[in-house]
Amino acid sequence: MSNGTSGAQDWRAIACLAPTGERLLCVGESSSQVRAAYAGAWGEVIRDEDRPTVRAISLQRWAGQFWSGTWEHQMYLAVPTTRTGKGTSSEAVELDEEDDSIETTGGPKSKKT
């Protein structure tokens, strides 16, 4: 979404739900801004009945021109353990072997390396 001007919302956090589906948690100008905000958005965006189905949270960056591009997965973020998101760290996490692929919007499945 970047067009070379300041204020572009080039980063986002997406909650990936099982078996399919996703929820946008937040967008921001930088990865650090999104990492700081996603846990707070957790309690507002993810419904109580959906929380157990969240498999991962994908930090994604917009690649391309603002009118033509795709969201690219950068890293997985820790899934908050409380409704308010206060009981988690915003550091990246590794997925278990059984959760080694997550579909993301705008591209093919991302494989764990």
N, C-alpha and C. Protein backbone atom coordinates (compact mmCIF):
# COMPACT_ATOMS: atom_id res chain seq x y z
N MET A 1 0.81 -1.19 0.00
CA MET A 1 0.00 0.00 0.00
C MET A 1 0.85 1.25 0.00
N SER A 2 2.14 1.06 0.05
CA SER A 2 3.02 2.21 0.10
C SER A 2 3.07 2.90 -1.26
N ASN A 3 3.05 4.20 -1.23
CA ASN A 3 3.19 4.97 -2.45
C ASN A 3 4.33 5.98 -2.32
N GLY A 4 5.19 5.75 -1.33
CA GLY A 4 6.33 6.63 -1.14
C GLY A 4 6.06 7.79 -0.20
N THR A 5 4.84 7.93 0.28
CA THR A 5 4.53 9.01 1.21
C THR A 5 4.48 8.46 2.63
N SER A 6 4.69 9.32 3.59
CA SER A 6 4.63 8.88 4.97
C SER A 6 3.18 8.59 5.35
N GLY A 7 3.00 7.75 6.33
CA GLY A 7 1.66 7.42 6.79
C GLY A 7 1.08 6.18 6.13
N ALA A 8 1.85 5.51 5.28
CA ALA A 8 1.36 4.30 4.62
C ALA A 8 1.20 3.18 5.64
N GLN A 9 0.12 2.43 5.53
CA GLN A 9 -0.15 1.31 6.42
C GLN A 9 0.37 0.03 5.76
N ASP A 10 1.67 -0.19 5.84
CA ASP A 10 2.33 -1.27 5.12
C ASP A 10 2.44 -2.58 5.89
N TRP A 11 2.03 -2.62 7.13
CA TRP A 11 2.14 -3.81 7.97
C TRP A 11 0.79 -4.16 8.57
N ARG A 12 0.56 -5.46 8.79
CA ARG A 12 -0.68 -5.88 9.45
C ARG A 12 -0.45 -7.19 10.21
N ALA A 13 -1.33 -7.42 11.18
CA ALA A 13 -1.35 -8.68 11.92
C ALA A 13 -2.68 -9.36 11.61
N ILE A 14 -2.61 -10.64 11.22
CA ILE A 14 -3.78 -11.43 10.84
C ILE A 14 -3.85 -12.65 11.75
N ALA A 15 -5.01 -12.88 12.36
CA ALA A 15 -5.23 -14.10 13.14
C ALA A 15 -5.72 -15.18 12.17
N CYS A 16 -5.01 -16.31 12.11
CA CYS A 16 -5.35 -17.42 11.22
C CYS A 16 -6.17 -18.44 12.02
N LEU A 17 -7.41 -18.66 11.60
CA LEU A 17 -8.32 -19.55 12.30
C LEU A 17 -8.38 -20.92 11.63
N ALA A 18 -8.60 -21.96 12.44
CA ALA A 18 -8.75 -23.32 11.93
C ALA A 18 -10.22 -23.62 11.78
N PRO A 19 -10.67 -24.37 10.82
CA PRO A 19 -9.86 -24.95 9.74
C PRO A 19 -9.52 -23.93 8.67
N THR A 20 -10.36 -22.94 8.44
CA THR A 20 -10.04 -21.88 7.49
C THR A 20 -10.56 -20.57 8.04
N GLY A 21 -10.09 -19.49 7.49
CA GLY A 21 -10.57 -18.19 7.90
C GLY A 21 -9.48 -17.37 8.56
N GLU A 22 -9.70 -16.08 8.61
CA GLU A 22 -8.75 -15.19 9.24
C GLU A 22 -9.46 -13.91 9.67
N ARG A 23 -8.85 -13.22 10.62
CA ARG A 23 -9.39 -11.96 11.12
C ARG A 23 -8.25 -10.94 11.15
N LEU A 24 -8.54 -9.75 10.65
CA LEU A 24 -7.58 -8.66 10.71
C LEU A 24 -7.54 -8.12 12.13
N LEU A 25 -6.36 -8.10 12.74
CA LEU A 25 -6.22 -7.57 14.10
C LEU A 25 -5.88 -6.09 14.08
N CYS A 26 -4.88 -5.70 13.28
CA CYS A 26 -4.50 -4.29 13.21
C CYS A 26 -3.60 -4.04 12.01
N VAL A 27 -3.45 -2.78 11.64
CA VAL A 27 -2.54 -2.35 10.59
C VAL A 27 -1.69 -1.22 11.14
N GLY A 28 -0.52 -1.00 10.52
CA GLY A 28 0.33 0.08 10.99
C GLY A 28 1.41 0.43 10.00
N GLU A 29 2.16 1.47 10.33
CA GLU A 29 3.23 1.97 9.47
C GLU A 29 4.52 1.17 9.60
N SER A 30 4.70 0.43 10.70
CA SER A 30 5.93 -0.33 10.90
C SER A 30 5.62 -1.64 11.60
N SER A 31 6.55 -2.58 11.48
CA SER A 31 6.35 -3.87 12.14
C SER A 31 6.31 -3.70 13.66
N SER A 32 7.13 -2.81 14.19
CA SER A 32 7.14 -2.61 15.64
C SER A 32 5.82 -2.00 16.12
N GLN A 33 5.22 -1.14 15.33
CA GLN A 33 3.93 -0.55 15.68
C GLN A 33 2.84 -1.63 15.72
N VAL A 34 2.84 -2.53 14.74
CA VAL A 34 1.85 -3.60 14.69
C VAL A 34 2.09 -4.60 15.82
N ARG A 35 3.35 -4.95 16.09
CA ARG A 35 3.66 -5.88 17.19
C ARG A 35 3.22 -5.31 18.53
N ALA A 36 3.31 -3.99 18.70
CA ALA A 36 2.89 -3.36 19.95
C ALA A 36 1.37 -3.31 20.09
N ALA A 37 0.64 -3.30 18.97
CA ALA A 37 -0.81 -3.09 19.00
C ALA A 37 -1.65 -4.37 18.89
N TYR A 38 -1.11 -5.45 18.32
CA TYR A 38 -1.97 -6.60 18.02
C TYR A 38 -2.55 -7.27 19.26
N ALA A 39 -1.79 -7.36 20.33
CA ALA A 39 -2.30 -8.02 21.54
C ALA A 39 -3.46 -7.24 22.14
N GLY A 40 -3.41 -5.92 22.07
CA GLY A 40 -4.51 -5.11 22.57
C GLY A 40 -5.77 -5.25 21.72
N ALA A 41 -5.57 -5.45 20.42
CA ALA A 41 -6.71 -5.62 19.51
C ALA A 41 -7.34 -7.00 19.66
N TRP A 42 -6.61 -7.95 20.18
CA TRP A 42 -7.06 -9.33 20.34
C TRP A 42 -8.41 -9.42 21.03
N GLY A 43 -8.58 -8.77 22.17
CA GLY A 43 -9.82 -8.84 22.94
C GLY A 43 -11.00 -8.16 22.26
N GLU A 44 -10.72 -7.20 21.39
CA GLU A 44 -11.79 -6.49 20.71
C GLU A 44 -12.22 -7.15 19.41
N VAL A 45 -11.30 -7.79 18.73
CA VAL A 45 -11.56 -8.33 17.39
C VAL A 45 -11.96 -9.80 17.41
N ILE A 46 -11.29 -10.60 18.22
CA ILE A 46 -11.53 -12.04 18.24
C ILE A 46 -12.63 -12.37 19.25
N ARG A 47 -13.72 -12.97 18.75
CA ARG A 47 -14.83 -13.35 19.62
C ARG A 47 -14.41 -14.50 20.54
N ASP A 48 -15.06 -14.58 21.70
CA ASP A 48 -14.74 -15.62 22.68
C ASP A 48 -14.79 -17.01 22.06
N GLU A 49 -15.80 -17.27 21.23
CA GLU A 49 -15.94 -18.61 20.64
C GLU A 49 -14.90 -18.90 19.56
N ASP A 50 -14.26 -17.85 19.01
CA ASP A 50 -13.23 -18.05 17.98
C ASP A 50 -11.83 -18.22 18.56
N ARG A 51 -11.60 -17.80 19.79
CA ARG A 51 -10.25 -17.84 20.36
C ARG A 51 -9.61 -19.22 20.34
N PRO A 52 -10.34 -20.29 20.68
CA PRO A 52 -9.70 -21.61 20.64
C PRO A 52 -9.31 -22.06 19.22
N THR A 53 -9.89 -21.46 18.20
CA THR A 53 -9.58 -21.88 16.83
C THR A 53 -8.44 -21.10 16.20
N VAL A 54 -7.89 -20.10 16.89
CA VAL A 54 -6.77 -19.33 16.34
C VAL A 54 -5.51 -20.20 16.38
N ARG A 55 -5.00 -20.51 15.18
CA ARG A 55 -3.82 -21.37 15.05
C ARG A 55 -2.53 -20.57 15.11
N ALA A 56 -2.57 -19.34 14.60
CA ALA A 56 -1.36 -18.52 14.54
C ALA A 56 -1.75 -17.08 14.27
N ILE A 57 -0.79 -16.18 14.51
CA ILE A 57 -0.96 -14.79 14.13
C ILE A 57 0.20 -14.45 13.19
N SER A 58 -0.15 -14.04 11.99
CA SER A 58 0.83 -13.76 10.95
C SER A 58 1.09 -12.26 10.85
N LEU A 59 2.36 -11.87 10.95
CA LEU A 59 2.77 -10.50 10.70
C LEU A 59 3.08 -10.41 9.21
N GLN A 60 2.40 -9.51 8.51
CA GLN A 60 2.54 -9.43 7.06
C GLN A 60 2.91 -8.02 6.63
N ARG A 61 3.63 -7.97 5.51
CA ARG A 61 4.06 -6.68 4.94
C ARG A 61 3.54 -6.57 3.51
N TRP A 62 3.09 -5.38 3.14
CA TRP A 62 2.61 -5.12 1.78
C TRP A 62 3.81 -5.04 0.85
N ALA A 63 3.75 -5.77 -0.26
CA ALA A 63 4.82 -5.75 -1.25
C ALA A 63 4.23 -5.30 -2.58
N GLY A 64 4.74 -4.23 -3.13
CA GLY A 64 4.26 -3.73 -4.40
C GLY A 64 3.74 -2.31 -4.29
N GLN A 65 3.19 -1.83 -5.38
CA GLN A 65 2.61 -0.50 -5.41
C GLN A 65 1.28 -0.52 -4.65
N PHE A 66 0.82 0.64 -4.22
CA PHE A 66 -0.40 0.66 -3.41
C PHE A 66 -1.62 0.17 -4.19
N TRP A 67 -1.61 0.27 -5.50
CA TRP A 67 -2.75 -0.19 -6.30
C TRP A 67 -2.59 -1.62 -6.78
N SER A 68 -1.39 -2.19 -6.65
CA SER A 68 -1.15 -3.54 -7.14
C SER A 68 -0.03 -4.19 -6.34
N GLY A 69 -0.37 -5.12 -5.52
CA GLY A 69 0.62 -5.79 -4.70
C GLY A 69 -0.01 -6.93 -3.94
N THR A 70 0.74 -7.51 -3.02
CA THR A 70 0.25 -8.61 -2.20
C THR A 70 0.78 -8.47 -0.78
N TRP A 71 0.06 -9.08 0.15
CA TRP A 71 0.54 -9.16 1.52
C TRP A 71 1.46 -10.37 1.62
N GLU A 72 2.67 -10.18 2.15
CA GLU A 72 3.64 -11.26 2.30
C GLU A 72 3.89 -11.54 3.78
N HIS A 73 3.80 -12.83 4.12
CA HIS A 73 4.06 -13.25 5.50
C HIS A 73 5.53 -12.96 5.85
N GLN A 74 5.76 -12.39 7.04
CA GLN A 74 7.11 -12.10 7.51
C GLN A 74 7.51 -12.99 8.68
N MET A 75 6.61 -13.14 9.66
CA MET A 75 6.89 -13.96 10.84
C MET A 75 5.59 -14.24 11.59
N TYR A 76 5.63 -15.24 12.46
CA TYR A 76 4.49 -15.53 13.33
C TYR A 76 4.69 -14.83 14.66
N LEU A 77 3.60 -14.30 15.20
CA LEU A 77 3.60 -13.64 16.50
C LEU A 77 2.94 -14.55 17.52
N ALA A 78 3.24 -14.35 18.79
CA ALA A 78 2.65 -15.16 19.86
C ALA A 78 1.15 -14.93 19.94
N VAL A 79 0.40 -16.01 20.11
CA VAL A 79 -1.05 -15.91 20.27
C VAL A 79 -1.32 -15.53 21.73
N PRO A 80 -2.04 -14.44 21.98
CA PRO A 80 -2.33 -14.03 23.36
C PRO A 80 -3.09 -15.13 24.11
N THR A 81 -2.84 -15.24 25.40
CA THR A 81 -3.47 -16.29 26.21
C THR A 81 -4.63 -15.77 27.04
N THR A 82 -4.85 -14.47 27.03
CA THR A 82 -5.95 -13.90 27.80
C THR A 82 -6.84 -13.08 26.88
N ARG A 83 -8.04 -12.77 27.35
CA ARG A 83 -8.99 -12.00 26.54
C ARG A 83 -8.45 -10.62 26.20
N THR A 84 -7.72 -10.00 27.12
CA THR A 84 -7.21 -8.66 26.90
C THR A 84 -5.87 -8.65 26.17
N GLY A 85 -5.24 -9.83 26.02
CA GLY A 85 -3.97 -9.89 25.34
C GLY A 85 -2.80 -9.53 26.22
N LYS A 86 -3.03 -9.29 27.52
CA LYS A 86 -1.97 -8.86 28.42
C LYS A 86 -1.05 -10.01 28.84
N GLY A 87 -1.51 -11.24 28.70
CA GLY A 87 -0.74 -12.38 29.19
C GLY A 87 0.18 -12.98 28.16
N THR A 88 0.71 -12.19 27.23
CA THR A 88 1.55 -12.75 26.18
C THR A 88 2.73 -11.84 25.88
N SER A 89 3.67 -12.41 25.20
CA SER A 89 4.81 -11.65 24.70
C SER A 89 4.56 -11.35 23.24
N SER A 90 5.12 -10.26 22.74
CA SER A 90 4.92 -9.93 21.32
C SER A 90 6.07 -10.46 20.47
N GLU A 91 6.83 -11.41 21.00
CA GLU A 91 7.92 -11.98 20.23
C GLU A 91 7.41 -13.04 19.27
N ALA A 92 8.21 -13.32 18.27
CA ALA A 92 7.85 -14.33 17.28
C ALA A 92 7.90 -15.71 17.93
N VAL A 93 7.11 -16.63 17.39
CA VAL A 93 7.07 -17.98 17.90
C VAL A 93 7.21 -18.97 16.76
N GLU A 94 7.66 -20.18 17.08
CA GLU A 94 7.72 -21.27 16.12
C GLU A 94 6.45 -22.08 16.25
N LEU A 95 5.96 -22.61 15.15
CA LEU A 95 4.78 -23.45 15.17
C LEU A 95 5.18 -24.89 15.41
N ASP A 96 4.26 -25.68 16.00
CA ASP A 96 4.48 -27.10 16.14
C ASP A 96 4.53 -27.74 14.77
N GLU A 97 5.08 -28.95 14.67
CA GLU A 97 5.16 -29.66 13.41
C GLU A 97 3.80 -29.83 12.75
N GLU A 98 2.74 -30.10 13.54
CA GLU A 98 1.42 -30.30 12.96
C GLU A 98 0.83 -29.03 12.40
N ASP A 99 1.34 -27.86 12.79
CA ASP A 99 0.85 -26.58 12.31
C ASP A 99 1.89 -25.91 11.42
N ASP A 100 2.53 -26.68 10.53
CA ASP A 100 3.64 -26.14 9.77
C ASP A 100 3.24 -25.34 8.54
N SER A 101 1.95 -25.24 8.25
CA SER A 101 1.56 -24.38 7.14
C SER A 101 0.29 -23.64 7.49
N ILE A 102 0.26 -22.37 7.15
CA ILE A 102 -0.88 -21.49 7.42
C ILE A 102 -1.17 -20.75 6.13
N GLU A 103 -2.45 -20.73 5.71
CA GLU A 103 -2.80 -19.94 4.53
C GLU A 103 -2.91 -18.49 4.92
N THR A 104 -2.36 -17.63 4.07
CA THR A 104 -2.45 -16.21 4.30
C THR A 104 -3.12 -15.56 3.11
N THR A 105 -3.69 -14.39 3.32
CA THR A 105 -4.37 -13.68 2.25
C THR A 105 -3.36 -13.21 1.21
N GLY A 106 -3.72 -13.36 -0.04
CA GLY A 106 -2.91 -12.79 -1.11
C GLY A 106 -1.73 -13.62 -1.52
N GLY A 107 -1.70 -14.89 -1.15
CA GLY A 107 -0.55 -15.67 -1.59
C GLY A 107 -0.69 -17.13 -1.23
N PRO A 108 0.29 -17.91 -1.62
CA PRO A 108 0.26 -19.34 -1.34
C PRO A 108 0.55 -19.62 0.13
N LYS A 109 0.43 -20.87 0.51
CA LYS A 109 0.72 -21.24 1.90
C LYS A 109 2.18 -20.93 2.23
N SER A 110 2.40 -20.47 3.45
CA SER A 110 3.74 -20.21 3.92
C SER A 110 4.21 -21.44 4.67
N LYS A 111 5.36 -21.95 4.35
CA LYS A 111 5.91 -23.12 5.00
C LYS A 111 6.90 -22.71 6.07
N LYS A 112 6.93 -23.47 7.16
CA LYS A 112 7.90 -23.24 8.23
C LYS A 112 9.27 -23.65 7.72
N THR A 113 10.28 -22.86 7.98
CA THR A 113 11.62 -23.18 7.49
C THR A 113 12.47 -23.72 8.59
